[in-house]
PDB file of N, CA and C in Angstrom:
ATOM      1  N   UNK A   1       0.730 -17.582  -3.268  1.00  0.00           N
ATOM      2  CA  UNK A   1       0.668 -16.348  -4.334  1.00  0.00           C
ATOM      3  C   UNK A   1      -0.404 -17.133  -5.454  1.00  0.00           C
ATOM      4  N   UNK A   2      -0.150 -18.484  -5.671  1.00  0.00           N
ATOM      5  CA  UNK A   2      -0.858 -18.563  -6.929  1.00  0.00           C
ATOM      6  C   UNK A   2      -0.570 -18.306  -8.386  1.00  0.00           C
ATOM      7  N   UNK A   3      -0.683 -16.908  -8.673  1.00  0.00           N
ATOM      8  CA  UNK A   3      -0.491 -16.717 -10.257  1.00  0.00           C
ATOM      9  C   UNK A   3       0.282 -14.863  -9.664  1.00  0.00           C
ATOM     10  N   UNK A   4       0.990 -14.539 -11.132  1.00  0.00           N
ATOM     11  CA  UNK A   4       1.993 -13.523 -11.060  1.00  0.00           C
ATOM     12  C   UNK A   4       0.874 -12.394 -10.977  1.00  0.00           C
ATOM     13  N   UNK A   5      -0.547 -12.243 -11.985  1.00  0.00           N
ATOM     14  CA  UNK A   5      -1.513 -10.953 -11.252  1.00  0.00           C
ATOM     15  C   UNK A   5      -1.920 -10.643 -10.181  1.00  0.00           C
ATOM     16  N   UNK A   6      -2.191 -12.029  -9.279  1.00  0.00           N
ATOM     17  CA  UNK A   6      -1.932 -11.717  -7.237  1.00  0.00           C
ATOM     18  C   UNK A   6      -1.014 -11.454  -6.082  1.00  0.00           C
ATOM     19  N   UNK A   7       0.328 -11.386  -7.169  1.00  0.00           N
ATOM     20  CA  UNK A   7       1.122 -10.591  -6.827  1.00  0.00           C
ATOM     21  C   UNK A   7       1.422  -9.110  -6.583  1.00  0.00           C
ATOM     22  N   UNK A   8       0.877  -8.700  -7.448  1.00  0.00           N
ATOM     23  CA  UNK A   8       0.294  -6.952  -7.630  1.00  0.00           C
ATOM     24  C   UNK A   8       0.290  -6.671  -6.584  1.00  0.00           C
ATOM     25  N   UNK A   9      -0.468  -7.187  -5.390  1.00  0.00           N
ATOM     26  CA  UNK A   9      -1.371  -6.915  -4.555  1.00  0.00           C
ATOM     27  C   UNK A   9       0.115  -6.669  -3.718  1.00  0.00           C
ATOM     28  N   UNK A  10       1.484  -7.846  -3.369  1.00  0.00           N
ATOM     29  CA  UNK A  10       2.476  -7.292  -3.080  1.00  0.00           C
ATOM     30  C   UNK A  10       3.062  -5.853  -3.276  1.00  0.00           C
ATOM     31  N   UNK A  11       3.022  -5.682  -4.644  1.00  0.00           N
ATOM     32  CA  UNK A  11       3.562  -4.446  -4.238  1.00  0.00           C
ATOM     33  C   UNK A  11       2.201  -3.309  -4.557  1.00  0.00           C
ATOM     34  N   UNK A  12       2.083  -3.524  -4.732  1.00  0.00           N
ATOM     35  CA  UNK A  12       0.335  -2.652  -4.017  1.00  0.00           C
ATOM     36  C   UNK A  12       0.675  -1.940  -2.911  1.00  0.00           C
ATOM     37  N   UNK A  13       0.946  -2.907  -1.697  1.00  0.00           N
ATOM     38  CA  UNK A  13       1.278  -2.909  -0.711  1.00  0.00           C
ATOM     39  C   UNK A  13       2.579  -2.551  -0.285  1.00  0.00           C
ATOM     40  N   UNK A  14       3.838  -2.649  -0.854  1.00  0.00           N
ATOM     41  CA  UNK A  14       5.048  -2.366  -0.621  1.00  0.00           C
ATOM     42  C   UNK A  14       4.874  -0.992  -0.775  1.00  0.00           C
ATOM     43  N   UNK A  15       4.639  -0.620  -2.183  1.00  0.00           N
ATOM     44  CA  UNK A  15       4.144   0.835  -2.288  1.00  0.00           C
ATOM     45  C   UNK A  15       3.414   1.996  -1.253  1.00  0.00           C
ATOM     46  N   UNK A  16       2.287   0.939  -1.040  1.00  0.00           N
ATOM     47  CA  UNK A  16       1.271   2.060   0.191  1.00  0.00           C
ATOM     48  C   UNK A  16       2.265   1.923   1.522  1.00  0.00           C
ATOM     49  N   UNK A  17       3.017   1.657   1.938  1.00  0.00           N
ATOM     50  CA  UNK A  17       3.594   0.917   2.835  1.00  0.00           C
ATOM     51  C   UNK A  17       5.213   2.109   2.609  1.00  0.00           C
ATOM     52  N   UNK A  18       5.328   2.455   1.502  1.00  0.00           N
ATOM     53  CA  UNK A  18       6.956   2.698   1.107  1.00  0.00           C
ATOM     54  C   UNK A  18       7.930   1.834   1.439  1.00  0.00           C
ATOM     55  N   UNK A  19       7.963   0.943   0.641  1.00  0.00           N
ATOM     56  CA  UNK A  19       9.392  -0.398   1.159  1.00  0.00           C
ATOM     57  C   UNK A  19       9.197  -0.938   0.377  1.00  0.00           C
ATOM     58  N   UNK A  20       9.656  -1.948   0.024  1.00  0.00           N
ATOM     59  CA  UNK A  20       9.998  -2.663  -0.470  1.00  0.00           C
ATOM     60  C   UNK A  20      10.027  -4.623  -1.483  1.00  0.00           C
ATOM     61  N   UNK A  21       9.638  -5.211  -2.043  1.00  0.00           N
ATOM     62  CA  UNK A  21       8.610  -6.161  -2.324  1.00  0.00           C
ATOM     63  C   UNK A  21      10.721  -7.347  -2.110  1.00  0.00           C
ATOM     64  N   UNK A  22      10.007  -7.822  -1.037  1.00  0.00           N
ATOM     65  CA  UNK A  22      11.301  -9.720  -1.256  1.00  0.00           C
ATOM     66  C   UNK A  22      10.407 -10.365  -1.533  1.00  0.00           C
ATOM     67  N   UNK A  23      10.731 -12.067  -1.696  1.00  0.00           N
ATOM     68  CA  UNK A  23       9.951 -13.081  -2.203  1.00  0.00           C
ATOM     69  C   UNK A  23      11.020 -14.102  -2.081  1.00  0.00           C
ATOM     70  N   UNK A  24       9.726 -15.156  -2.365  1.00  0.00           N
ATOM     71  CA  UNK A  24      10.937 -16.720  -1.669  1.00  0.00           C
ATOM     72  C   UNK A  24      10.872 -17.021  -2.990  1.00  0.00           C
ATOM     73  N   UNK A  25      12.050 -18.154  -2.906  1.00  0.00           N
ATOM     74  CA  UNK A  25      12.098 -19.043  -3.319  1.00  0.00           C
ATOM     75  C   UNK A  25      10.894 -19.231  -5.136  1.00  0.00           C
ATOM     76  N   UNK A  26       9.943 -19.347  -4.358  1.00  0.00           N
ATOM     77  CA  UNK A  26       9.264 -20.195  -5.742  1.00  0.00           C
ATOM     78  C   UNK A  26       8.722 -18.545  -5.925  1.00  0.00           C
ATOM     79  N   UNK A  27       7.911 -18.283  -5.808  1.00  0.00           N
ATOM     80  CA  UNK A  27       8.132 -16.750  -6.804  1.00  0.00           C
ATOM     81  C   UNK A  27       8.875 -16.079  -7.345  1.00  0.00           C
ATOM     82  N   UNK A  28      10.580 -16.760  -7.326  1.00  0.00           N
ATOM     83  CA  UNK A  28      11.230 -16.364  -8.551  1.00  0.00           C
ATOM     84  C   UNK A  28      11.049 -17.160  -9.360  1.00  0.00           C
ATOM     85  N   UNK A  29      10.958 -18.538  -8.902  1.00  0.00           N
ATOM     86  CA  UNK A  29      11.185 -19.898  -9.844  1.00  0.00           C
ATOM     87  C   UNK A  29       9.727 -19.934 -11.329  1.00  0.00           C
ATOM     88  N   UNK A  30       8.573 -19.230 -10.821  1.00  0.00           N
ATOM     89  CA  UNK A  30       7.342 -19.186 -10.991  1.00  0.00           C
ATOM     90  C   UNK A  30       7.028 -17.843 -12.299  1.00  0.00           C
ATOM     91  N   UNK A  31       8.446 -17.203 -11.939  1.00  0.00           N
ATOM     92  CA  UNK A  31       8.907 -16.257 -12.721  1.00  0.00           C
ATOM     93  C   UNK A  31       7.648 -14.332 -12.421  1.00  0.00           C
ATOM     94  N   UNK A  32       7.438 -14.582 -11.117  1.00  0.00           N
ATOM     95  CA  UNK A  32       7.092 -13.603 -10.722  1.00  0.00           C
ATOM     96  C   UNK A  32       7.670 -12.495 -10.017  1.00  0.00           C
ATOM     97  N   UNK A  33       8.878 -12.689  -9.999  1.00  0.00           N
ATOM     98  CA  UNK A  33       9.223 -11.661 -10.041  1.00  0.00           C
ATOM     99  C   UNK A  33      11.079 -11.724 -10.230  1.00  0.00           C
ATOM    100  N   UNK A  34      11.640 -11.149 -10.312  1.00  0.00           N
ATOM    101  CA  UNK A  34      13.494 -11.322 -10.450  1.00  0.00           C
ATOM    102  C   UNK A  34      13.918 -12.060  -9.154  1.00  0.00           C
ATOM    103  N   UNK A  35      15.204 -12.978  -9.500  1.00  0.00           N
ATOM    104  CA  UNK A  35      16.114 -13.835  -8.890  1.00  0.00           C
ATOM    105  C   UNK A  35      16.714 -12.086  -6.973  1.00  0.00           C
ATOM    106  N   UNK A  36      17.290 -11.185  -8.239  1.00  0.00           N
ATOM    107  CA  UNK A  36      17.223  -9.849  -7.176  1.00  0.00           C
ATOM    108  C   UNK A  36      16.334  -9.258  -5.741  1.00  0.00           C
ATOM    109  N   UNK A  37      14.853  -9.920  -5.834  1.00  0.00           N
ATOM    110  CA  UNK A  37      14.585  -9.649  -4.753  1.00  0.00           C
ATOM    111  C   UNK A  37      14.362 -11.004  -4.287  1.00  0.00           C
ATOM    112  N   UNK A  38      14.478 -11.896  -4.066  1.00  0.00           N
ATOM    113  CA  UNK A  38      14.170 -13.115  -3.475  1.00  0.00           C
ATOM    114  C   UNK A  38      15.715 -13.095  -2.167  1.00  0.00           C
ATOM    115  N   UNK A  39      14.645 -13.672  -1.217  1.00  0.00           N
ATOM    116  CA  UNK A  39      15.260 -13.485   0.344  1.00  0.00           C
ATOM    117  C   UNK A  39      15.591 -14.513   0.644  1.00  0.00           C
ATOM    118  N   UNK A  40      16.398 -15.535   1.093  1.00  0.00           N
ATOM    119  CA  UNK A  40      16.868 -16.832   1.751  1.00  0.00           C
ATOM    120  C   UNK A  40      18.294 -17.328   1.724  1.00  0.00           C
ATOM    121  N   UNK A  41      18.938 -18.557   2.341  1.00  0.00           N
ATOM    122  CA  UNK A  41      19.569 -18.911   1.816  1.00  0.00           C
ATOM    123  C   UNK A  41      20.328 -18.874   0.252  1.00  0.00           C
ATOM    124  N   UNK A  42      19.568 -19.029  -0.379  1.00  0.00           N
ATOM    125  CA  UNK A  42      20.117 -18.624  -1.938  1.00  0.00           C
ATOM    126  C   UNK A  42      19.608 -17.164  -3.039  1.00  0.00           C
ATOM    127  N   UNK A  43      19.056 -16.868  -1.349  1.00  0.00           N
ATOM    128  CA  UNK A  43      19.111 -14.638  -2.130  1.00  0.00           C
ATOM    129  C   UNK A  43      19.895 -14.096  -1.261  1.00  0.00           C
ATOM    130  N   UNK A  44      18.857 -12.954  -0.992  1.00  0.00           N
ATOM    131  CA  UNK A  44      19.612 -11.504   0.124  1.00  0.00           C
ATOM    132  C   UNK A  44      19.387 -12.184   1.758  1.00  0.00           C
ATOM    133  N   UNK A  45      19.627 -11.420   1.988  1.00  0.00           N
ATOM    134  CA  UNK A  45      19.659 -11.386   3.298  1.00  0.00           C
ATOM    135  C   UNK A  45      18.923 -10.001   3.685  1.00  0.00           C
ATOM    136  N   UNK A  46      18.065  -9.798   4.597  1.00  0.00           N
ATOM    137  CA  UNK A  46      17.361  -8.599   4.860  1.00  0.00           C
ATOM    138  C   UNK A  46      17.029  -8.443   6.534  1.00  0.00           C
ATOM    139  N   UNK A  47      17.291  -7.531   7.041  1.00  0.00           N
ATOM    140  CA  UNK A  47      17.131  -6.669   8.539  1.00  0.00           C
ATOM    141  C   UNK A  47      16.512  -5.041   8.120  1.00  0.00           C
ATOM    142  N   UNK A  48      14.956  -5.359   7.474  1.00  0.00           N
ATOM    143  CA  UNK A  48      14.304  -4.682   7.809  1.00  0.00           C
ATOM    144  C   UNK A  48      13.453  -4.420   9.219  1.00  0.00           C
ATOM    145  N   UNK A  49      12.791  -2.864   9.349  1.00  0.00           N
ATOM    146  CA  UNK A  49      12.359  -2.783  10.826  1.00  0.00           C
ATOM    147  C   UNK A  49      10.906  -3.276  10.966  1.00  0.00           C
ATOM    148  N   UNK A  50      10.488  -3.909   9.897  1.00  0.00           N
ATOM    149  CA  UNK A  50       9.242  -4.687   9.226  1.00  0.00           C
ATOM    150  C   UNK A  50       9.459  -5.647   8.336  1.00  0.00           C
ATOM    151  N   UNK A  51       9.070  -6.796   8.317  1.00  0.00           N
ATOM    152  CA  UNK A  51       8.469  -7.221   7.415  1.00  0.00           C
ATOM    153  C   UNK A  51       7.088  -8.208   7.711  1.00  0.00           C
ATOM    154  N   UNK A  52       6.610  -9.046   6.156  1.00  0.00           N
ATOM    155  CA  UNK A  52       5.532  -8.831   6.275  1.00  0.00           C
ATOM    156  C   UNK A  52       5.656  -9.951   5.255  1.00  0.00           C
ATOM    157  N   UNK A  53       5.274 -11.132   6.035  1.00  0.00           N
ATOM    158  CA  UNK A  53       5.751 -12.264   5.456  1.00  0.00           C
ATOM    159  C   UNK A  53       4.057 -12.904   4.551  1.00  0.00           C
ATOM    160  N   UNK A  54       3.612 -12.412   3.803  1.00  0.00           N
ATOM    161  CA  UNK A  54       2.152 -12.688   3.313  1.00  0.00           C
ATOM    162  C   UNK A  54       2.010 -14.249   2.106  1.00  0.00           C
ATOM    163  N   UNK A  55       1.634 -15.353   2.888  1.00  0.00           N
ATOM    164  CA  UNK A  55       1.771 -16.153   2.634  1.00  0.00           C
ATOM    165  C   UNK A  55       3.213 -17.313   2.067  1.00  0.00           C
ATOM    166  N   UNK A  56       3.672 -16.638   3.077  1.00  0.00           N
ATOM    167  CA  UNK A  56       4.788 -17.304   2.939  1.00  0.00           C
ATOM    168  C   UNK A  56       5.317 -18.650   4.055  1.00  0.00           C
ATOM    169  N   UNK A  57       5.211 -19.813   3.441  1.00  0.00           N
ATOM    170  CA  UNK A  57       5.506 -21.069   4.748  1.00  0.00           C
ATOM    171  C   UNK A  57       5.886 -20.981   5.522  1.00  0.00           C
ATOM    172  N   UNK A  58       7.590 -19.901   5.298  1.00  0.00           N
ATOM    173  CA  UNK A  58       8.371 -20.764   5.902  1.00  0.00           C
ATOM    174  C   UNK A  58       9.444 -21.509   5.688  1.00  0.00           C
ATOM    175  N   UNK A  59       9.366 -21.714   5.219  1.00  0.00           N
ATOM    176  CA  UNK A  59      10.805 -22.867   5.018  1.00  0.00           C
ATOM    177  C   UNK A  59      12.531 -22.405   5.708  1.00  0.00           C
ATOM    178  N   UNK A  60      12.808 -23.615   6.050  1.00  0.00           N
ATOM    179  CA  UNK A  60      14.441 -23.092   6.685  1.00  0.00           C
ATOM    180  C   UNK A  60      15.180 -22.172   5.532  1.00  0.00           C
ATOM    181  N   UNK A  61      14.802 -21.754   4.414  1.00  0.00           N
ATOM    182  CA  UNK A  61      15.868 -21.308   3.882  1.00  0.00           C
ATOM    183  C   UNK A  61      15.172 -19.688   3.451  1.00  0.00           C
ATOM    184  N   UNK A  62      13.855 -19.525   3.114  1.00  0.00           N
ATOM    185  CA  UNK A  62      13.777 -17.920   2.999  1.00  0.00           C
ATOM    186  C   UNK A  62      13.818 -17.766   5.214  1.00  0.00           C
ATOM    187  N   UNK A  63      13.500 -18.211   5.391  1.00  0.00           N
ATOM    188  CA  UNK A  63      13.692 -18.384   7.477  1.00  0.00           C
ATOM    189  C   UNK A  63      14.917 -17.360   7.980  1.00  0.00           C
ATOM    190  N   UNK A  64      15.750 -17.763   7.414  1.00  0.00           N
ATOM    191  CA  UNK A  64      17.628 -17.769   6.818  1.00  0.00           C
ATOM    192  C   UNK A  64      17.727 -16.577   6.401  1.00  0.00           C
ATOM    193  N   UNK A  65      16.604 -15.857   5.218  1.00  0.00           N
ATOM    194  CA  UNK A  65      17.334 -14.432   4.901  1.00  0.00           C
ATOM    195  C   UNK A  65      16.280 -13.404   5.795  1.00  0.00           C
ATOM    196  N   UNK A  66      15.545 -14.007   6.335  1.00  0.00           N
ATOM    197  CA  UNK A  66      14.643 -12.870   7.089  1.00  0.00           C
ATOM    198  C   UNK A  66      14.774 -13.009   7.952  1.00  0.00           C
ATOM    199  N   UNK A  67      14.936 -13.652   9.200  1.00  0.00           N
ATOM    200  CA  UNK A  67      14.776 -13.984  10.641  1.00  0.00           C
ATOM    201  C   UNK A  67      15.531 -12.642  11.501  1.00  0.00           C
ATOM    202  N   UNK A  68      16.522 -11.529  10.911  1.00  0.00           N
ATOM    203  CA  UNK A  68      17.009 -10.787  11.702  1.00  0.00           C
ATOM    204  C   UNK A  68      16.205  -9.599  11.728  1.00  0.00           C
ATOM    205  N   UNK A  69      14.645  -9.888  10.682  1.00  0.00           N
ATOM    206  CA  UNK A  69      13.948  -8.241  10.696  1.00  0.00           C
ATOM    207  C   UNK A  69      13.788  -7.506  12.442  1.00  0.00           C
ATOM    208  N   UNK A  70      13.130  -6.876  12.642  1.00  0.00           N
ATOM    209  CA  UNK A  70      12.943  -6.491  13.821  1.00  0.00           C
ATOM    210  C   UNK A  70      11.605  -6.817  14.396  1.00  0.00           C
ATOM    211  N   UNK A  71      10.094  -6.829  13.628  1.00  0.00           N
ATOM    212  CA  UNK A  71       9.208  -7.346  13.779  1.00  0.00           C
ATOM    213  C   UNK A  71       8.751  -7.964  11.828  1.00  0.00           C
ATOM    214  N   UNK A  72       8.112  -9.220  12.942  1.00  0.00           N
ATOM    215  CA  UNK A  72       7.493  -9.903  11.115  1.00  0.00           C
ATOM    216  C   UNK A  72       5.601 -10.401  11.436  1.00  0.00           C
ATOM    217  N   UNK A  73       5.324  -9.807  10.802  1.00  0.00           N
ATOM    218  CA  UNK A  73       4.248  -9.783  10.826  1.00  0.00           C
ATOM    219  C   UNK A  73       3.563 -11.103   9.958  1.00  0.00           C
ATOM    220  N   UNK A  74       2.871 -11.600  10.207  1.00  0.00           N
ATOM    221  CA  UNK A  74       2.694 -12.904   9.198  1.00  0.00           C
ATOM    222  C   UNK A  74       1.102 -13.456   8.718  1.00  0.00           C
ATOM    223  N   UNK A  75       1.121 -13.455   7.466  1.00  0.00           N
ATOM    224  CA  UNK A  75      -0.411 -13.465   7.421  1.00  0.00           C
ATOM    225  C   UNK A  75      -0.178 -15.147   6.243  1.00  0.00           C
ATOM    226  N   UNK A  76      -0.390 -16.071   6.598  1.00  0.00           N
ATOM    227  CA  UNK A  76      -0.916 -17.726   5.975  1.00  0.00           C
ATOM    228  C   UNK A  76      -2.302 -18.380   6.046  1.00  0.00           C
ATOM    229  N   UNK A  77      -2.944 -19.057   5.485  1.00  0.00           N
ATOM    230  CA  UNK A  77      -4.122 -19.790   5.660  1.00  0.00           C
ATOM    231  C   UNK A  77      -4.187 -21.010   6.598  1.00  0.00           C
ATOM    232  N   UNK A  78      -2.538 -21.204   6.773  1.00  0.00           N
ATOM    233  CA  UNK A  78      -2.465 -21.955   7.741  1.00  0.00           C
ATOM    234  C   UNK A  78      -1.851 -22.728   8.881  1.00  0.00           C
ATOM    235  N   UNK A  79      -2.740 -22.321   9.742  1.00  0.00           N
ATOM    236  CA  UNK A  79      -2.451 -22.363  10.891  1.00  0.00           C
ATOM    237  C   UNK A  79      -0.587 -23.028  11.626  1.00  0.00           C
ATOM    238  N   UNK A  80       0.087 -23.948  10.622  1.00  0.00           N
ATOM    239  CA  UNK A  80       0.704 -25.019  11.273  1.00  0.00           C
ATOM    240  C   UNK A  80       1.989 -24.228  10.118  1.00  0.00           C
ATOM    241  N   UNK A  81       1.633 -23.249   9.781  1.00  0.00           N
ATOM    242  CA  UNK A  81       2.848 -22.836   8.736  1.00  0.00           C
ATOM    243  C   UNK A  81       3.742 -22.325   9.952  1.00  0.00           C
ATOM    244  N   UNK A  82       4.527 -22.759   9.273  1.00  0.00           N
ATOM    245  CA  UNK A  82       6.413 -22.790  10.050  1.00  0.00           C
ATOM    246  C   UNK A  82       6.932 -21.220  10.003  1.00  0.00           C
ATOM    247  N   UNK A  83       6.451 -20.321   9.492  1.00  0.00           N
ATOM    248  CA  UNK A  83       6.528 -18.792   9.742  1.00  0.00           C
ATOM    249  C   UNK A  83       5.926 -18.227  10.648  1.00  0.00           C
ATOM    250  N   UNK A  84       4.621 -19.073  11.780  1.00  0.00           N
ATOM    251  CA  UNK A  84       4.248 -18.731  12.680  1.00  0.00           C
ATOM    252  C   UNK A  84       5.581 -18.849  14.306  1.00  0.00           C
ATOM    253  N   UNK A  85       6.665 -19.689  13.644  1.00  0.00           N
ATOM    254  CA  UNK A  85       7.268 -19.599  14.691  1.00  0.00           C
ATOM    255  C   UNK A  85       8.242 -18.778  15.125  1.00  0.00           C
ATOM    256  N   UNK A  86       8.476 -18.090  13.852  1.00  0.00           N
ATOM    257  CA  UNK A  86       9.512 -16.790  14.723  1.00  0.00           C
ATOM    258  C   UNK A  86       8.979 -15.544  14.090  1.00  0.00           C
ATOM    259  N   UNK A  87       7.602 -15.332  14.112  1.00  0.00           N
ATOM    260  CA  UNK A  87       6.796 -14.142  13.862  1.00  0.00           C
ATOM    261  C   UNK A  87       6.306 -13.558  14.961  1.00  0.00           C
ATOM    262  N   UNK A  88       6.062 -12.057  14.663  1.00  0.00           N
ATOM    263  CA  UNK A  88       5.974 -11.572  16.512  1.00  0.00           C
ATOM    264  C   UNK A  88       4.650 -11.484  16.334  1.00  0.00           C
ATOM    265  N   UNK A  89       3.774 -11.412  15.438  1.00  0.00           N
ATOM    266  CA  UNK A  89       2.956 -11.399  15.116  1.00  0.00           C
ATOM    267  C   UNK A  89       1.794 -12.582  13.859  1.00  0.00           C
ATOM    268  N   UNK A  90       1.454 -13.075  13.609  1.00  0.00           N
ATOM    269  CA  UNK A  90       0.486 -13.774  13.518  1.00  0.00           C
ATOM    270  C   UNK A  90      -0.694 -13.830  12.796  1.00  0.00           C
ATOM    271  N   UNK A  91      -1.255 -13.939  11.650  1.00  0.00           N
ATOM    272  CA  UNK A  91      -2.380 -13.419  11.063  1.00  0.00           C
ATOM    273  C   UNK A  91      -3.272 -15.332  10.776  1.00  0.00           C
ATOM    274  N   UNK A  92      -4.029 -16.071  10.370  1.00  0.00           N
ATOM    275  CA  UNK A  92      -4.718 -16.494   9.964  1.00  0.00           C
ATOM    276  C   UNK A  92      -5.667 -16.663   9.214  1.00  0.00           C
ATOM    277  N   UNK A  93      -5.355 -16.631   8.125  1.00  0.00           N
ATOM    278  CA  UNK A  93      -7.015 -16.630   6.671  1.00  0.00           C
ATOM    279  C   UNK A  93      -6.075 -15.969   5.329  1.00  0.00           C
ATOM    280  N   UNK A  94      -6.942 -15.899   4.674  1.00  0.00           N
ATOM    281  CA  UNK A  94      -7.074 -15.489   2.897  1.00  0.00           C
ATOM    282  C   UNK A  94      -6.634 -14.233   2.901  1.00  0.00           C
ATOM    283  N   UNK A  95      -4.324 -14.180   2.717  1.00  0.00           N
ATOM    284  CA  UNK A  95      -4.189 -12.847   2.591  1.00  0.00           C
ATOM    285  C   UNK A  95      -4.705 -11.992   1.403  1.00  0.00           C
ATOM    286  N   UNK A  96      -6.133 -12.484   0.304  1.00  0.00           N
ATOM    287  CA  UNK A  96      -5.670 -12.080  -0.755  1.00  0.00           C
ATOM    288  C   UNK A  96      -7.299 -10.988   0.304  1.00  0.00           C
ATOM    289  N   UNK A  97      -8.084 -11.425   1.166  1.00  0.00           N
ATOM    290  CA  UNK A  97      -9.279 -10.868   1.561  1.00  0.00           C
ATOM    291  C   UNK A  97      -8.495  -9.567   3.011  1.00  0.00           C
ATOM    292  N   UNK A  98      -7.435  -9.894   3.686  1.00  0.00           N
ATOM    293  CA  UNK A  98      -6.558  -9.761   4.713  1.00  0.00           C
ATOM    294  C   UNK A  98      -5.828  -8.210   4.160  1.00  0.00           C
ATOM    295  N   UNK A  99      -5.437  -8.528   3.401  1.00  0.00           N
ATOM    296  CA  UNK A  99      -4.229  -7.249   2.402  1.00  0.00           C
ATOM    297  C   UNK A  99      -5.161  -5.771   1.473  1.00  0.00           C
ATOM    298  N   UNK A 100      -5.990  -6.752   1.043  1.00  0.00           N
ATOM    299  CA  UNK A 100      -7.098  -5.490   0.142  1.00  0.00           C
ATOM    300  C   UNK A 100      -7.363  -4.272   1.806  1.00  0.00           C
ATOM    301  N   UNK A 101      -8.297  -5.303   3.065  1.00  0.00           N
ATOM    302  CA  UNK A 101      -8.659  -4.782   3.432  1.00  0.00           C
ATOM    303  C   UNK A 101      -7.723  -4.344   4.591  1.00  0.00           C
ATOM    304  N   UNK A 102      -6.539  -3.951   4.522  1.00  0.00           N
ATOM    305  CA  UNK A 102      -5.448  -3.411   4.910  1.00  0.00           C
ATOM    306  C   UNK A 102      -5.101  -2.231   3.622  1.00  0.00           C
ATOM    307  N   UNK A 103      -5.209  -2.069   3.265  1.00  0.00           N
ATOM    308  CA  UNK A 103      -4.806  -1.085   2.435  1.00  0.00           C
ATOM    309  C   UNK A 103      -5.961  -0.668   2.702  1.00  0.00           C
ATOM    310  N   UNK A 104      -7.200  -0.638   1.856  1.00  0.00           N
ATOM    311  CA  UNK A 104      -8.188   0.268   2.252  1.00  0.00           C
ATOM    312  C   UNK A 104      -8.191   1.324   3.772  1.00  0.00           C
ATOM    313  N   UNK A 105      -8.280   0.115   4.417  1.00  0.00           N
ATOM    314  CA  UNK A 105      -7.920   1.656   5.845  1.00  0.00           C
ATOM    315  C   UNK A 105      -6.376   2.355   6.101  1.00  0.00           C
ATOM    316  N   UNK A 106      -4.935   1.759   4.846  1.00  0.00           N
ATOM    317  CA  UNK A 106      -3.711   2.339   5.163  1.00  0.00           C
ATOM    318  C   UNK A 106      -4.130   4.108   4.475  1.00  0.00           C
ATOM    319  N   UNK A 107      -5.237   3.380   3.501  1.00  0.00           N
ATOM    320  CA  UNK A 107      -5.446   4.356   2.223  1.00  0.00           C
ATOM    321  C   UNK A 107      -6.641   5.753   3.406  1.00  0.00           C
ATOM    322  N   UNK A 108      -7.238   4.981   4.049  1.00  0.00           N
ATOM    323  CA  UNK A 108      -8.077   5.898   4.041  1.00  0.00           C
ATOM    324  C   UNK A 108      -7.499   6.996   5.764  1.00  0.00           C
ATOM    325  N   UNK A 109      -6.448   6.496   5.939  1.00  0.00           N
ATOM    326  CA  UNK A 109      -5.691   6.950   7.124  1.00  0.00           C
ATOM    327  C   UNK A 109      -5.213   7.915   6.616  1.00  0.00           C
ATOM    328  N   UNK A 110      -4.458   7.352   5.421  1.00  0.00           N
ATOM    329  CA  UNK A 110      -3.744   8.310   4.564  1.00  0.00           C
ATOM    330  C   UNK A 110      -4.168   9.633   4.187  1.00  0.00           C
ATOM    331  N   UNK A 111      -5.581   9.776   3.644  1.00  0.00           N
ATOM    332  CA  UNK A 111      -6.599  10.743   2.659  1.00  0.00           C
ATOM    333  C   UNK A 111      -6.877  11.449   4.358  1.00  0.00           C
ATOM    334  N   UNK A 112      -7.130  10.690   5.702  1.00  0.00           N
ATOM    335  CA  UNK A 112      -7.169  11.125   6.555  1.00  0.00           C
ATOM    336  C   UNK A 112      -6.333  12.414   7.480  1.00  0.00           C
ATOM    337  N   UNK A 113      -5.177  11.979   7.294  1.00  0.00           N
ATOM    338  CA  UNK A 113      -3.716  12.976   8.025  1.00  0.00           C
ATOM    339  C   UNK A 113      -3.637  13.895   6.577  1.00  0.00           C
ATOM    340  N   UNK A 114      -3.800  13.109   5.582  1.00  0.00           N
ATOM    341  CA  UNK A 114      -3.767  14.524   4.053  1.00  0.00           C
ATOM    342  C   UNK A 114      -4.767  15.751   4.276  1.00  0.00           C
ATOM    343  N   UNK A 115      -5.952  15.306   4.217  1.00  0.00           N
ATOM    344  CA  UNK A 115      -6.853  16.503   5.608  1.00  0.00           C
ATOM    345  C   UNK A 115      -6.674  17.176   6.008  1.00  0.00           C
ATOM    346  N   UNK A 116      -6.310  16.381   7.211  1.00  0.00           N
ATOM    347  CA  UNK A 116      -5.606  17.199   8.826  1.00  0.00           C
ATOM    348  C   UNK A 116      -4.306  17.797   8.462  1.00  0.00           C
ATOM    349  N   UNK A 117      -3.423  17.821   7.800  1.00  0.00           N
ATOM    350  CA  UNK A 117      -2.586  18.115   7.442  1.00  0.00           C
ATOM    351  C   UNK A 117      -2.838  19.604   6.141  1.00  0.00           C
ATOM    352  N   UNK A 118      -3.580  19.719   5.334  1.00  0.00           N
ATOM    353  CA  UNK A 118      -4.279  20.628   4.873  1.00  0.00           C
ATOM    354  C   UNK A 118      -4.880  21.692   5.738  1.00  0.00           C
ATOM    355  N   UNK A 119      -5.760  21.449   6.692  1.00  0.00           N
ATOM    356  CA  UNK A 119      -6.825  21.876   7.252  1.00  0.00           C
ATOM    357  C   UNK A 119      -5.853  22.650   8.066  1.00  0.00           C
ATOM    358  N   UNK A 120      -5.041  21.965   8.603  1.00  0.00           N
ATOM    359  CA  UNK A 120      -3.790  22.794   9.885  1.00  0.00           C
ATOM    360  C   UNK A 120      -3.315  24.051   8.907  1.00  0.00           C
ATOM    361  N   UNK A 121      -2.805  23.613   7.971  1.00  0.00           N
ATOM    362  CA  UNK A 121      -1.833  24.374   7.198  1.00  0.00           C
ATOM    363  C   UNK A 121      -2.459  25.619   6.349  1.00  0.00           C
ATOM    364  N   UNK A 122      -3.787  25.665   6.028  1.00  0.00           N
ATOM    365  CA  UNK A 122      -4.857  26.816   5.842  1.00  0.00           C
ATOM    366  C   UNK A 122      -5.080  27.434   6.639  1.00  0.00           C
ATOM    367  N   UNK A 123      -5.312  27.360   8.536  1.00  0.00           N
ATOM    368  CA  UNK A 123      -5.875  28.525   9.448  1.00  0.00           C
ATOM    369  C   UNK A 123      -4.755  28.793   9.975  1.00  0.00           C
TER     370      UNK A 123
END
């Protein structure tokens, strides 16, 4: 993630999706997020329906904490990242380009759904 400010993007996506934020040991060690959010051997094991691995390299320690997720989607700019070996879907690219585009689409969809719900109630 490179710095704490960029980590805010993860929080925004989690809020939009109604999810929670987990983190790698590196993110915790850098002070970007409290230890209580750490996923992996030295953190928590999680089993969500959807796990978005944003910029996660896929160290064995981290994989041990999230590999039981139902669906794993990885976004990483390194096509050789270990996370892709466990991901159900992988996107090779810059998460700082992909996640904002994803947020924009989710917000458009949410607005469209809200508009449709409003019209249905008025009719």
